[in-house]
Amino acid sequence: INLTRNVGASLENPCLLAHPFSHLCQISLPALKHYTSKIQDFSDLINVETFGFRGEALSSLCALSNVSIVTCHKSSNIGTRLEFDHSGKITRRVPFSRPQGTTVSVQQLFHTLPVRHKEFQRNIKKEFAKMVQILQAYCIICTGVRINCTNQVGQGKKQAVVSTSGSSTLKENISAIFGHKQVQTLIPFVQLLPSEEVCEEYGLNVSALPTKLYT
């Protein structure tokens, strides 16, 4: 994730593009509503890894900013650059040379809402802090995923905001974000399922409770 004050933000995934998303790009659907929801079943709404979000991030971004995607599937010899209007429809599609992967670029965030855009610019430092907090939360819970965020102000150098190495445990992610000393202050706890008496008293369904916490 690369942030710039004057341009916007870009999110790059160097991994091979999955077939479902590639297919959506081919039929001009990746940023329309109801096409990219990550909810597969009802339980995903309370899953910490989804944050309870239904997805459709591209559609929401298109409504609030100028969005473009440069993507190249592992089966393609050349990539494609897609530009979208504010309803999520593709307005321009051109061949584009790039390695395998996908880059989503966002420019002029909130420019479709002048009052919100002015407020965003006035409180940019506060909004940046909120973004970092949300990103840190994602970095903690997303195991096996490498996340790197940089920020560049004007013509200055890129500065690292947060970075994880794709560790397999939450503990390693916490160490990457907050440091090893902070991890040493954490207190481990043991998960115990409630007894039958407690479940009956509070109307709990044991089978619906998580059987394993994140480690």
N, C-alpha and C. Protein backbone atom coordinates (compact mmCIF):
# COMPACT_ATOMS: atom_id res chain seq x y z
N ILE A 1 0.86 -1.18 0.00
CA ILE A 1 0.00 0.00 0.00
C ILE A 1 0.89 1.22 0.00
N ASN A 2 0.82 2.03 -1.06
CA ASN A 2 1.63 3.23 -1.17
C ASN A 2 0.74 4.47 -1.09
N LEU A 3 0.98 5.32 -0.09
CA LEU A 3 0.19 6.52 0.12
C LEU A 3 0.97 7.75 -0.30
N THR A 4 0.31 8.68 -0.99
CA THR A 4 0.91 9.96 -1.34
C THR A 4 -0.09 11.07 -1.06
N ARG A 5 0.40 12.20 -0.60
CA ARG A 5 -0.49 13.29 -0.19
C ARG A 5 -1.23 13.90 -1.37
N ASN A 6 -0.55 14.09 -2.49
CA ASN A 6 -1.14 14.81 -3.61
C ASN A 6 -1.82 13.90 -4.63
N VAL A 7 -1.46 12.63 -4.64
CA VAL A 7 -1.99 11.73 -5.67
C VAL A 7 -3.10 10.85 -5.12
N GLY A 8 -2.84 10.11 -4.08
CA GLY A 8 -3.84 9.21 -3.54
C GLY A 8 -3.19 7.99 -2.94
N ALA A 9 -3.65 6.83 -3.32
CA ALA A 9 -3.11 5.59 -2.78
C ALA A 9 -3.16 4.50 -3.83
N SER A 10 -2.24 3.56 -3.70
CA SER A 10 -2.26 2.40 -4.59
C SER A 10 -1.99 1.16 -3.77
N LEU A 11 -2.69 0.09 -4.10
CA LEU A 11 -2.54 -1.19 -3.41
C LEU A 11 -2.11 -2.21 -4.43
N GLU A 12 -0.98 -2.85 -4.16
CA GLU A 12 -0.42 -3.78 -5.14
C GLU A 12 -0.36 -5.18 -4.56
N ASN A 13 -0.81 -6.14 -5.35
CA ASN A 13 -0.74 -7.55 -4.99
C ASN A 13 0.13 -8.26 -6.02
N PRO A 14 1.38 -8.59 -5.65
CA PRO A 14 2.27 -9.22 -6.63
C PRO A 14 1.95 -10.69 -6.87
N CYS A 15 1.04 -11.25 -6.10
CA CYS A 15 0.70 -12.66 -6.29
C CYS A 15 -0.09 -12.85 -7.58
N LEU A 16 -0.20 -14.06 -8.01
CA LEU A 16 -0.93 -14.37 -9.24
C LEU A 16 -2.40 -14.06 -9.03
N LEU A 17 -2.99 -13.46 -10.03
CA LEU A 17 -4.39 -13.07 -9.93
C LEU A 17 -5.29 -14.29 -10.00
N ALA A 18 -6.26 -14.36 -9.12
CA ALA A 18 -7.18 -15.50 -9.09
C ALA A 18 -8.10 -15.47 -10.29
N HIS A 19 -8.53 -16.64 -10.73
CA HIS A 19 -9.39 -16.75 -11.90
C HIS A 19 -10.71 -16.02 -11.75
N PRO A 20 -11.42 -16.10 -10.59
CA PRO A 20 -12.72 -15.41 -10.49
C PRO A 20 -12.62 -13.92 -10.74
N PHE A 21 -11.61 -13.24 -10.14
CA PHE A 21 -11.48 -11.81 -10.34
C PHE A 21 -11.06 -11.50 -11.77
N SER A 22 -10.19 -12.32 -12.34
CA SER A 22 -9.79 -12.12 -13.73
C SER A 22 -10.99 -12.20 -14.65
N HIS A 23 -11.88 -13.14 -14.37
CA HIS A 23 -13.09 -13.29 -15.18
C HIS A 23 -13.97 -12.05 -15.07
N LEU A 24 -14.09 -11.49 -13.86
CA LEU A 24 -14.89 -10.28 -13.67
C LEU A 24 -14.32 -9.12 -14.49
N CYS A 25 -12.99 -9.03 -14.56
CA CYS A 25 -12.36 -7.97 -15.35
C CYS A 25 -12.69 -8.15 -16.83
N GLN A 26 -12.69 -9.38 -17.29
CA GLN A 26 -12.94 -9.65 -18.70
C GLN A 26 -14.36 -9.27 -19.10
N ILE A 27 -15.31 -9.42 -18.17
CA ILE A 27 -16.70 -9.11 -18.52
C ILE A 27 -17.15 -7.79 -17.91
N SER A 28 -16.18 -6.96 -17.51
CA SER A 28 -16.44 -5.58 -17.08
C SER A 28 -17.28 -5.48 -15.81
N LEU A 29 -17.05 -6.37 -14.84
CA LEU A 29 -17.89 -6.37 -13.65
C LEU A 29 -17.15 -6.15 -12.32
N PRO A 30 -15.83 -5.96 -12.26
CA PRO A 30 -15.15 -6.00 -10.96
C PRO A 30 -15.55 -4.90 -9.99
N ALA A 31 -16.07 -3.76 -10.45
CA ALA A 31 -16.37 -2.65 -9.55
C ALA A 31 -17.87 -2.36 -9.43
N LEU A 32 -18.70 -3.21 -10.00
CA LEU A 32 -20.14 -3.02 -9.86
C LEU A 32 -20.62 -3.56 -8.52
N LYS A 33 -21.74 -3.06 -8.05
CA LYS A 33 -22.29 -3.52 -6.78
C LYS A 33 -22.69 -4.99 -6.87
N HIS A 34 -22.54 -5.67 -5.74
CA HIS A 34 -22.99 -7.06 -5.56
C HIS A 34 -22.17 -8.08 -6.35
N TYR A 35 -21.00 -7.69 -6.88
CA TYR A 35 -20.21 -8.64 -7.66
C TYR A 35 -18.95 -9.12 -6.95
N THR A 36 -18.50 -8.40 -5.93
CA THR A 36 -17.25 -8.79 -5.29
C THR A 36 -17.38 -8.98 -3.79
N SER A 37 -18.57 -9.29 -3.30
CA SER A 37 -18.75 -9.54 -1.87
C SER A 37 -17.92 -10.73 -1.44
N LYS A 38 -17.22 -10.60 -0.31
CA LYS A 38 -16.40 -11.70 0.18
C LYS A 38 -17.13 -12.57 1.18
N ILE A 39 -18.43 -12.31 1.40
CA ILE A 39 -19.22 -13.12 2.31
C ILE A 39 -19.68 -14.39 1.60
N GLN A 40 -19.23 -15.54 2.09
CA GLN A 40 -19.61 -16.82 1.49
C GLN A 40 -20.77 -17.47 2.23
N ASP A 41 -20.85 -17.25 3.53
CA ASP A 41 -21.99 -17.75 4.31
C ASP A 41 -22.25 -16.78 5.45
N PHE A 42 -23.35 -16.99 6.18
CA PHE A 42 -23.79 -16.05 7.20
C PHE A 42 -22.76 -15.88 8.31
N SER A 43 -22.04 -16.93 8.64
CA SER A 43 -21.07 -16.86 9.74
C SER A 43 -19.93 -15.89 9.44
N ASP A 44 -19.70 -15.58 8.16
CA ASP A 44 -18.63 -14.64 7.81
C ASP A 44 -18.91 -13.24 8.35
N LEU A 45 -20.16 -12.94 8.64
CA LEU A 45 -20.50 -11.61 9.14
C LEU A 45 -19.91 -11.35 10.53
N ILE A 46 -19.61 -12.41 11.28
CA ILE A 46 -19.02 -12.24 12.61
C ILE A 46 -17.58 -12.74 12.64
N ASN A 47 -17.02 -13.02 11.49
CA ASN A 47 -15.64 -13.47 11.39
C ASN A 47 -14.70 -12.29 11.52
N VAL A 48 -13.74 -12.37 12.43
CA VAL A 48 -12.85 -11.24 12.68
C VAL A 48 -12.02 -10.90 11.45
N GLU A 49 -11.72 -11.88 10.60
CA GLU A 49 -10.90 -11.63 9.42
C GLU A 49 -11.64 -10.84 8.35
N THR A 50 -12.96 -10.83 8.38
CA THR A 50 -13.73 -10.03 7.42
C THR A 50 -14.16 -8.69 8.01
N PHE A 51 -13.93 -8.51 9.32
CA PHE A 51 -14.34 -7.28 10.01
C PHE A 51 -15.85 -7.06 9.88
N GLY A 52 -16.59 -8.11 9.50
CA GLY A 52 -18.04 -7.95 9.32
C GLY A 52 -18.41 -7.22 8.05
N PHE A 53 -17.42 -6.89 7.19
CA PHE A 53 -17.71 -6.16 5.96
C PHE A 53 -18.23 -7.11 4.89
N ARG A 54 -19.12 -6.63 4.08
CA ARG A 54 -19.69 -7.45 3.01
C ARG A 54 -18.82 -7.43 1.76
N GLY A 55 -17.83 -6.57 1.71
CA GLY A 55 -17.01 -6.47 0.52
C GLY A 55 -17.41 -5.27 -0.32
N GLU A 56 -17.33 -5.41 -1.63
CA GLU A 56 -17.69 -4.35 -2.57
C GLU A 56 -16.85 -3.08 -2.35
N ALA A 57 -15.60 -3.26 -1.96
CA ALA A 57 -14.73 -2.11 -1.73
C ALA A 57 -14.50 -1.32 -3.02
N LEU A 58 -14.32 -2.02 -4.14
CA LEU A 58 -14.07 -1.33 -5.41
C LEU A 58 -15.25 -0.44 -5.79
N SER A 59 -16.45 -0.94 -5.61
CA SER A 59 -17.64 -0.16 -5.92
C SER A 59 -17.72 1.09 -5.07
N SER A 60 -17.41 0.96 -3.78
CA SER A 60 -17.45 2.10 -2.87
C SER A 60 -16.37 3.12 -3.23
N LEU A 61 -15.19 2.64 -3.58
CA LEU A 61 -14.10 3.55 -3.96
C LEU A 61 -14.44 4.31 -5.24
N CYS A 62 -15.05 3.63 -6.19
CA CYS A 62 -15.43 4.29 -7.45
C CYS A 62 -16.41 5.43 -7.20
N ALA A 63 -17.31 5.24 -6.25
CA ALA A 63 -18.31 6.26 -5.95
C ALA A 63 -17.68 7.50 -5.32
N LEU A 64 -16.48 7.34 -4.70
CA LEU A 64 -15.88 8.43 -3.94
C LEU A 64 -14.60 8.97 -4.55
N SER A 65 -14.08 8.34 -5.62
CA SER A 65 -12.77 8.74 -6.13
C SER A 65 -12.60 8.30 -7.57
N ASN A 66 -11.40 8.54 -8.11
CA ASN A 66 -11.04 8.05 -9.44
C ASN A 66 -10.22 6.77 -9.28
N VAL A 67 -10.74 5.67 -9.81
CA VAL A 67 -10.12 4.36 -9.60
C VAL A 67 -9.63 3.79 -10.92
N SER A 68 -8.45 3.21 -10.87
CA SER A 68 -7.92 2.47 -12.02
C SER A 68 -7.27 1.18 -11.51
N ILE A 69 -7.29 0.16 -12.34
CA ILE A 69 -6.69 -1.13 -11.99
C ILE A 69 -5.78 -1.57 -13.13
N VAL A 70 -4.57 -1.97 -12.77
CA VAL A 70 -3.66 -2.58 -13.73
C VAL A 70 -3.46 -4.02 -13.29
N THR A 71 -3.79 -4.97 -14.13
CA THR A 71 -3.77 -6.37 -13.72
C THR A 71 -3.22 -7.26 -14.82
N CYS A 72 -2.61 -8.35 -14.40
CA CYS A 72 -2.09 -9.33 -15.35
C CYS A 72 -2.18 -10.71 -14.73
N HIS A 73 -2.94 -11.59 -15.37
CA HIS A 73 -3.10 -12.96 -14.88
C HIS A 73 -1.92 -13.81 -15.31
N LYS A 74 -1.67 -14.89 -14.58
CA LYS A 74 -0.53 -15.75 -14.88
C LYS A 74 -0.62 -16.38 -16.27
N SER A 75 -1.84 -16.47 -16.82
CA SER A 75 -2.01 -17.08 -18.13
C SER A 75 -1.89 -16.06 -19.26
N SER A 76 -1.70 -14.77 -18.92
CA SER A 76 -1.65 -13.71 -19.94
C SER A 76 -0.21 -13.29 -20.22
N ASN A 77 0.04 -12.91 -21.46
CA ASN A 77 1.36 -12.42 -21.84
C ASN A 77 1.51 -10.93 -21.59
N ILE A 78 0.41 -10.22 -21.48
CA ILE A 78 0.44 -8.78 -21.24
C ILE A 78 -0.73 -8.42 -20.33
N GLY A 79 -0.54 -7.36 -19.55
CA GLY A 79 -1.57 -6.95 -18.61
C GLY A 79 -2.60 -6.02 -19.24
N THR A 80 -3.51 -5.54 -18.40
CA THR A 80 -4.59 -4.66 -18.84
C THR A 80 -4.76 -3.54 -17.83
N ARG A 81 -4.96 -2.32 -18.33
CA ARG A 81 -5.28 -1.19 -17.47
C ARG A 81 -6.76 -0.86 -17.63
N LEU A 82 -7.47 -0.80 -16.50
CA LEU A 82 -8.90 -0.50 -16.50
C LEU A 82 -9.15 0.81 -15.76
N GLU A 83 -9.98 1.66 -16.34
CA GLU A 83 -10.40 2.89 -15.68
C GLU A 83 -11.91 2.85 -15.51
N PHE A 84 -12.40 3.39 -14.37
CA PHE A 84 -13.81 3.27 -14.02
C PHE A 84 -14.46 4.62 -13.81
N ASP A 85 -15.79 4.67 -14.06
CA ASP A 85 -16.53 5.88 -13.71
C ASP A 85 -17.05 5.71 -12.28
N HIS A 86 -17.83 6.68 -11.80
CA HIS A 86 -18.25 6.66 -10.40
C HIS A 86 -19.35 5.65 -10.12
N SER A 87 -19.90 5.04 -11.15
CA SER A 87 -20.89 3.99 -10.93
C SER A 87 -20.25 2.60 -10.96
N GLY A 88 -18.94 2.55 -11.23
CA GLY A 88 -18.24 1.27 -11.25
C GLY A 88 -18.12 0.64 -12.63
N LYS A 89 -18.60 1.33 -13.65
CA LYS A 89 -18.50 0.80 -15.01
C LYS A 89 -17.14 1.15 -15.62
N ILE A 90 -16.62 0.24 -16.41
CA ILE A 90 -15.32 0.45 -17.06
C ILE A 90 -15.48 1.45 -18.20
N THR A 91 -14.71 2.53 -18.17
CA THR A 91 -14.75 3.54 -19.22
C THR A 91 -13.61 3.41 -20.21
N ARG A 92 -12.54 2.74 -19.80
CA ARG A 92 -11.38 2.60 -20.68
C ARG A 92 -10.64 1.31 -20.34
N ARG A 93 -10.28 0.59 -21.39
CA ARG A 93 -9.54 -0.66 -21.23
C ARG A 93 -8.43 -0.69 -22.27
N VAL A 94 -7.17 -0.72 -21.83
CA VAL A 94 -6.05 -0.71 -22.76
C VAL A 94 -5.01 -1.74 -22.32
N PRO A 95 -4.27 -2.33 -23.27
CA PRO A 95 -3.17 -3.24 -22.91
C PRO A 95 -2.12 -2.49 -22.10
N PHE A 96 -1.50 -3.18 -21.16
CA PHE A 96 -0.52 -2.52 -20.28
C PHE A 96 0.52 -3.55 -19.86
N SER A 97 1.79 -3.19 -20.03
CA SER A 97 2.87 -4.09 -19.68
C SER A 97 3.14 -4.02 -18.17
N ARG A 98 3.08 -5.16 -17.52
CA ARG A 98 3.38 -5.24 -16.10
C ARG A 98 3.61 -6.71 -15.72
N PRO A 99 4.29 -6.96 -14.61
CA PRO A 99 4.45 -8.35 -14.14
C PRO A 99 3.11 -8.91 -13.68
N GLN A 100 3.07 -10.18 -13.43
CA GLN A 100 1.85 -10.81 -12.95
C GLN A 100 1.45 -10.24 -11.60
N GLY A 101 0.17 -9.94 -11.45
CA GLY A 101 -0.32 -9.35 -10.22
C GLY A 101 -1.35 -8.27 -10.51
N THR A 102 -1.71 -7.52 -9.49
CA THR A 102 -2.75 -6.50 -9.62
C THR A 102 -2.39 -5.28 -8.80
N THR A 103 -2.60 -4.08 -9.37
CA THR A 103 -2.42 -2.82 -8.65
C THR A 103 -3.69 -2.00 -8.77
N VAL A 104 -4.26 -1.63 -7.64
CA VAL A 104 -5.45 -0.78 -7.60
C VAL A 104 -5.02 0.62 -7.17
N SER A 105 -5.32 1.64 -7.98
CA SER A 105 -4.93 3.02 -7.68
C SER A 105 -6.16 3.87 -7.41
N VAL A 106 -6.08 4.69 -6.36
CA VAL A 106 -7.17 5.58 -5.98
C VAL A 106 -6.65 7.01 -5.97
N GLN A 107 -7.31 7.90 -6.69
CA GLN A 107 -6.92 9.31 -6.75
C GLN A 107 -8.11 10.20 -6.43
N GLN A 108 -7.80 11.36 -5.87
CA GLN A 108 -8.83 12.37 -5.56
C GLN A 108 -9.94 11.79 -4.68
N LEU A 109 -9.53 11.19 -3.56
CA LEU A 109 -10.51 10.59 -2.64
C LEU A 109 -11.47 11.64 -2.11
N PHE A 110 -12.77 11.33 -2.16
CA PHE A 110 -13.87 12.18 -1.69
C PHE A 110 -14.13 13.40 -2.57
N HIS A 111 -13.52 13.46 -3.76
CA HIS A 111 -13.73 14.66 -4.58
C HIS A 111 -15.16 14.75 -5.10
N THR A 112 -15.90 13.64 -5.06
CA THR A 112 -17.30 13.68 -5.48
C THR A 112 -18.20 14.26 -4.39
N LEU A 113 -17.65 14.44 -3.19
CA LEU A 113 -18.37 15.03 -2.06
C LEU A 113 -17.57 16.22 -1.56
N PRO A 114 -17.77 17.41 -2.13
CA PRO A 114 -16.93 18.57 -1.84
C PRO A 114 -16.78 18.90 -0.35
N VAL A 115 -17.88 18.84 0.39
CA VAL A 115 -17.81 19.16 1.81
C VAL A 115 -16.99 18.12 2.56
N ARG A 116 -17.25 16.85 2.26
CA ARG A 116 -16.48 15.77 2.90
C ARG A 116 -15.02 15.85 2.49
N HIS A 117 -14.73 16.21 1.25
CA HIS A 117 -13.35 16.32 0.78
C HIS A 117 -12.62 17.43 1.51
N LYS A 118 -13.27 18.55 1.71
CA LYS A 118 -12.66 19.68 2.42
C LYS A 118 -12.38 19.30 3.87
N GLU A 119 -13.33 18.61 4.49
CA GLU A 119 -13.14 18.16 5.87
C GLU A 119 -11.99 17.16 5.96
N PHE A 120 -11.91 16.27 4.96
CA PHE A 120 -10.85 15.27 4.92
C PHE A 120 -9.48 15.93 4.84
N GLN A 121 -9.36 16.95 3.99
CA GLN A 121 -8.09 17.67 3.84
C GLN A 121 -7.73 18.43 5.12
N ARG A 122 -8.74 18.98 5.78
CA ARG A 122 -8.49 19.76 6.98
C ARG A 122 -8.05 18.87 8.15
N ASN A 123 -8.55 17.65 8.17
CA ASN A 123 -8.23 16.72 9.26
C ASN A 123 -7.39 15.55 8.78
N ILE A 124 -6.49 15.82 7.82
CA ILE A 124 -5.74 14.75 7.18
C ILE A 124 -4.90 13.94 8.18
N LYS A 125 -4.30 14.61 9.17
CA LYS A 125 -3.47 13.90 10.14
C LYS A 125 -4.31 12.97 11.01
N LYS A 126 -5.48 13.43 11.42
CA LYS A 126 -6.37 12.60 12.23
C LYS A 126 -6.88 11.42 11.43
N GLU A 127 -7.24 11.65 10.16
CA GLU A 127 -7.72 10.57 9.31
C GLU A 127 -6.61 9.56 9.02
N PHE A 128 -5.39 10.07 8.90
CA PHE A 128 -4.25 9.18 8.67
C PHE A 128 -4.05 8.26 9.87
N ALA A 129 -4.18 8.82 11.07
CA ALA A 129 -4.03 8.02 12.29
C ALA A 129 -5.11 6.93 12.36
N LYS A 130 -6.33 7.27 11.97
CA LYS A 130 -7.41 6.28 11.96
C LYS A 130 -7.11 5.16 10.97
N MET A 131 -6.59 5.54 9.79
CA MET A 131 -6.25 4.55 8.79
C MET A 131 -5.18 3.60 9.29
N VAL A 132 -4.18 4.14 9.99
CA VAL A 132 -3.10 3.31 10.50
C VAL A 132 -3.63 2.32 11.53
N GLN A 133 -4.55 2.76 12.37
CA GLN A 133 -5.13 1.86 13.38
C GLN A 133 -5.87 0.70 12.73
N ILE A 134 -6.67 1.00 11.71
CA ILE A 134 -7.41 -0.05 11.01
C ILE A 134 -6.44 -0.99 10.29
N LEU A 135 -5.42 -0.43 9.67
CA LEU A 135 -4.44 -1.24 8.95
C LEU A 135 -3.68 -2.14 9.91
N GLN A 136 -3.34 -1.62 11.08
CA GLN A 136 -2.64 -2.44 12.08
C GLN A 136 -3.51 -3.61 12.51
N ALA A 137 -4.82 -3.36 12.66
CA ALA A 137 -5.73 -4.44 13.04
C ALA A 137 -5.75 -5.53 11.98
N TYR A 138 -5.79 -5.13 10.70
CA TYR A 138 -5.74 -6.11 9.63
C TYR A 138 -4.42 -6.87 9.64
N CYS A 139 -3.34 -6.15 9.88
CA CYS A 139 -2.02 -6.79 9.90
C CYS A 139 -1.92 -7.84 11.00
N ILE A 140 -2.58 -7.60 12.12
CA ILE A 140 -2.53 -8.54 13.24
C ILE A 140 -3.29 -9.82 12.91
N ILE A 141 -4.49 -9.70 12.38
CA ILE A 141 -5.34 -10.89 12.20
C ILE A 141 -5.07 -11.64 10.91
N CYS A 142 -4.43 -10.99 9.93
CA CYS A 142 -4.21 -11.64 8.63
C CYS A 142 -2.89 -12.41 8.65
N THR A 143 -2.94 -13.67 9.03
CA THR A 143 -1.75 -14.50 9.02
C THR A 143 -1.51 -15.04 7.61
N GLY A 144 -0.25 -15.26 7.28
CA GLY A 144 0.09 -15.78 5.97
C GLY A 144 -0.01 -14.75 4.85
N VAL A 145 -0.22 -13.48 5.21
CA VAL A 145 -0.34 -12.40 4.21
C VAL A 145 0.69 -11.33 4.53
N ARG A 146 1.51 -10.98 3.55
CA ARG A 146 2.51 -9.94 3.74
C ARG A 146 1.90 -8.58 3.41
N ILE A 147 1.92 -7.66 4.36
CA ILE A 147 1.37 -6.33 4.17
C ILE A 147 2.46 -5.29 4.41
N ASN A 148 2.63 -4.40 3.46
CA ASN A 148 3.63 -3.34 3.59
C ASN A 148 3.00 -2.02 3.17
N CYS A 149 3.04 -1.02 4.05
CA CYS A 149 2.44 0.28 3.78
C CYS A 149 3.50 1.36 3.90
N THR A 150 3.59 2.23 2.88
CA THR A 150 4.51 3.36 2.90
C THR A 150 3.75 4.66 2.68
N ASN A 151 4.34 5.76 3.12
CA ASN A 151 3.73 7.07 2.97
C ASN A 151 4.77 8.04 2.41
N GLN A 152 4.35 8.85 1.44
CA GLN A 152 5.24 9.83 0.83
C GLN A 152 4.55 11.18 0.79
N VAL A 153 5.16 12.19 1.39
CA VAL A 153 4.62 13.54 1.41
C VAL A 153 5.39 14.40 0.41
N GLY A 154 4.69 14.92 -0.59
CA GLY A 154 5.35 15.74 -1.60
C GLY A 154 6.41 14.97 -2.34
N GLN A 155 7.60 15.59 -2.46
CA GLN A 155 8.73 14.96 -3.14
C GLN A 155 9.66 14.26 -2.16
N GLY A 156 9.21 14.10 -0.92
CA GLY A 156 10.05 13.47 0.08
C GLY A 156 10.19 11.97 -0.13
N LYS A 157 10.98 11.36 0.73
CA LYS A 157 11.23 9.93 0.61
C LYS A 157 10.03 9.14 1.16
N LYS A 158 9.89 7.94 0.65
CA LYS A 158 8.86 7.05 1.18
C LYS A 158 9.25 6.61 2.59
N GLN A 159 8.29 6.66 3.48
CA GLN A 159 8.52 6.24 4.85
C GLN A 159 7.61 5.05 5.18
N ALA A 160 8.19 4.05 5.82
CA ALA A 160 7.42 2.86 6.19
C ALA A 160 6.42 3.21 7.28
N VAL A 161 5.18 2.78 7.11
CA VAL A 161 4.13 3.01 8.10
C VAL A 161 3.93 1.76 8.93
N VAL A 162 3.75 0.64 8.26
CA VAL A 162 3.59 -0.65 8.93
C VAL A 162 4.00 -1.74 7.97
N SER A 163 4.52 -2.83 8.51
CA SER A 163 4.98 -3.91 7.63
C SER A 163 4.93 -5.24 8.36
N THR A 164 4.41 -6.27 7.69
CA THR A 164 4.45 -7.64 8.20
C THR A 164 5.06 -8.53 7.14
N SER A 165 5.55 -9.69 7.57
CA SER A 165 6.29 -10.56 6.66
C SER A 165 5.51 -11.80 6.26
N GLY A 166 4.20 -11.82 6.53
CA GLY A 166 3.42 -13.00 6.18
C GLY A 166 3.58 -14.12 7.17
N SER A 167 3.72 -13.78 8.46
CA SER A 167 3.91 -14.79 9.50
C SER A 167 2.66 -15.66 9.65
N SER A 168 2.85 -16.79 10.31
CA SER A 168 1.76 -17.76 10.44
C SER A 168 0.99 -17.63 11.74
N THR A 169 1.43 -16.75 12.65
CA THR A 169 0.74 -16.61 13.94
C THR A 169 0.47 -15.14 14.24
N LEU A 170 -0.55 -14.89 15.08
CA LEU A 170 -0.86 -13.52 15.51
C LEU A 170 0.28 -12.95 16.33
N LYS A 171 0.92 -13.78 17.13
CA LYS A 171 2.01 -13.31 17.99
C LYS A 171 3.15 -12.73 17.16
N GLU A 172 3.48 -13.40 16.07
CA GLU A 172 4.55 -12.91 15.21
C GLU A 172 4.13 -11.60 14.52
N ASN A 173 2.86 -11.50 14.14
CA ASN A 173 2.37 -10.26 13.53
C ASN A 173 2.42 -9.10 14.52
N ILE A 174 2.03 -9.36 15.76
CA ILE A 174 2.09 -8.31 16.79
C ILE A 174 3.52 -7.85 17.01
N SER A 175 4.44 -8.80 16.99
CA SER A 175 5.86 -8.47 17.15
C SER A 175 6.36 -7.59 16.00
N ALA A 176 5.90 -7.90 14.77
CA ALA A 176 6.33 -7.12 13.60
C ALA A 176 5.80 -5.69 13.65
N ILE A 177 4.62 -5.51 14.24
CA ILE A 177 3.99 -4.19 14.25
C ILE A 177 4.41 -3.35 15.45
N PHE A 178 4.41 -3.97 16.63
CA PHE A 178 4.65 -3.21 17.86
C PHE A 178 5.99 -3.49 18.52
N GLY A 179 6.72 -4.48 18.02
CA GLY A 179 8.02 -4.79 18.57
C GLY A 179 8.00 -5.97 19.53
N HIS A 180 9.16 -6.60 19.68
CA HIS A 180 9.26 -7.81 20.51
C HIS A 180 9.02 -7.49 21.98
N LYS A 181 9.44 -6.32 22.46
CA LYS A 181 9.25 -5.98 23.86
C LYS A 181 7.77 -5.91 24.22
N GLN A 182 6.95 -5.41 23.27
CA GLN A 182 5.52 -5.32 23.52
C GLN A 182 4.89 -6.71 23.63
N VAL A 183 5.40 -7.64 22.84
CA VAL A 183 4.89 -9.01 22.89
C VAL A 183 5.16 -9.64 24.25
N GLN A 184 6.30 -9.31 24.84
CA GLN A 184 6.67 -9.88 26.13
C GLN A 184 5.74 -9.42 27.25
N THR A 185 5.02 -8.33 27.05
CA THR A 185 4.10 -7.84 28.08
C THR A 185 2.72 -8.49 27.99
N LEU A 186 2.46 -9.25 26.91
CA LEU A 186 1.16 -9.89 26.75
C LEU A 186 0.97 -11.03 27.75
N ILE A 187 -0.25 -11.22 28.17
CA ILE A 187 -0.57 -12.27 29.14
C ILE A 187 -1.34 -13.39 28.43
N PRO A 188 -0.78 -14.59 28.37
CA PRO A 188 -1.49 -15.70 27.70
C PRO A 188 -2.70 -16.14 28.51
N PHE A 189 -3.70 -16.64 27.85
CA PHE A 189 -4.88 -17.17 28.55
C PHE A 189 -5.34 -18.45 27.86
N VAL A 190 -6.07 -19.25 28.62
CA VAL A 190 -6.55 -20.54 28.13
C VAL A 190 -8.05 -20.44 27.87
N GLN A 191 -8.47 -20.91 26.71
CA GLN A 191 -9.88 -20.88 26.36
C GLN A 191 -10.62 -22.03 27.03
N LEU A 192 -11.68 -21.70 27.75
CA LEU A 192 -12.53 -22.70 28.39
C LEU A 192 -13.96 -22.50 27.93
N LEU A 193 -14.57 -23.55 27.40
CA LEU A 193 -15.96 -23.46 26.99
C LEU A 193 -16.86 -23.43 28.22
N PRO A 194 -17.97 -22.71 28.16
CA PRO A 194 -18.88 -22.64 29.32
C PRO A 194 -19.51 -23.99 29.62
N SER A 195 -19.84 -24.17 30.87
CA SER A 195 -20.46 -25.42 31.29
C SER A 195 -21.91 -25.48 30.80
N GLU A 196 -22.51 -26.67 30.92
CA GLU A 196 -23.90 -26.83 30.48
C GLU A 196 -24.83 -25.93 31.30
N GLU A 197 -24.51 -25.74 32.59
CA GLU A 197 -25.35 -24.89 33.43
C GLU A 197 -25.32 -23.44 32.97
N VAL A 198 -24.12 -22.96 32.62
CA VAL A 198 -23.97 -21.58 32.15
C VAL A 198 -24.69 -21.40 30.82
N CYS A 199 -24.54 -22.36 29.92
CA CYS A 199 -25.21 -22.28 28.61
C CYS A 199 -26.73 -22.25 28.78
N GLU A 200 -27.20 -23.07 29.68
CA GLU A 200 -28.65 -23.11 29.89
C GLU A 200 -29.15 -21.81 30.51
N GLU A 201 -28.37 -21.25 31.44
CA GLU A 201 -28.79 -20.02 32.13
C GLU A 201 -28.83 -18.83 31.18
N TYR A 202 -27.85 -18.75 30.27
CA TYR A 202 -27.76 -17.59 29.39
C TYR A 202 -28.24 -17.88 27.96
N GLY A 203 -28.77 -19.07 27.74
CA GLY A 203 -29.31 -19.40 26.42
C GLY A 203 -28.24 -19.53 25.35
N LEU A 204 -27.08 -20.08 25.70
CA LEU A 204 -25.98 -20.22 24.75
C LEU A 204 -26.04 -21.57 24.05
N ASN A 205 -25.60 -21.57 22.80
CA ASN A 205 -25.51 -22.80 22.02
C ASN A 205 -24.04 -23.17 21.89
N VAL A 206 -23.63 -24.22 22.57
CA VAL A 206 -22.21 -24.59 22.60
C VAL A 206 -21.68 -24.86 21.20
N SER A 207 -22.49 -25.49 20.35
CA SER A 207 -22.04 -25.84 19.00
C SER A 207 -21.77 -24.61 18.15
N ALA A 208 -22.36 -23.45 18.52
CA ALA A 208 -22.16 -22.23 17.75
C ALA A 208 -20.97 -21.42 18.23
N LEU A 209 -20.38 -21.81 19.36
CA LEU A 209 -19.24 -21.08 19.90
C LEU A 209 -17.96 -21.51 19.20
N PRO A 210 -16.98 -20.60 19.05
CA PRO A 210 -15.70 -20.96 18.43
C PRO A 210 -14.97 -21.99 19.26
N THR A 211 -14.45 -23.00 18.61
CA THR A 211 -13.73 -24.05 19.32
C THR A 211 -12.24 -23.78 19.42
N LYS A 212 -11.76 -22.80 18.66
CA LYS A 212 -10.34 -22.49 18.68
C LYS A 212 -10.13 -21.01 18.48
N LEU A 213 -9.36 -20.40 19.36
CA LEU A 213 -9.04 -19.00 19.24
C LEU A 213 -7.78 -18.82 18.40
N TYR A 214 -7.56 -17.61 17.93
CA TYR A 214 -6.34 -17.34 17.18
C TYR A 214 -5.14 -17.43 18.11
N THR A 215 -4.03 -17.91 17.57
CA THR A 215 -2.82 -18.06 18.37
C THR A 215 -1.68 -17.33 17.70
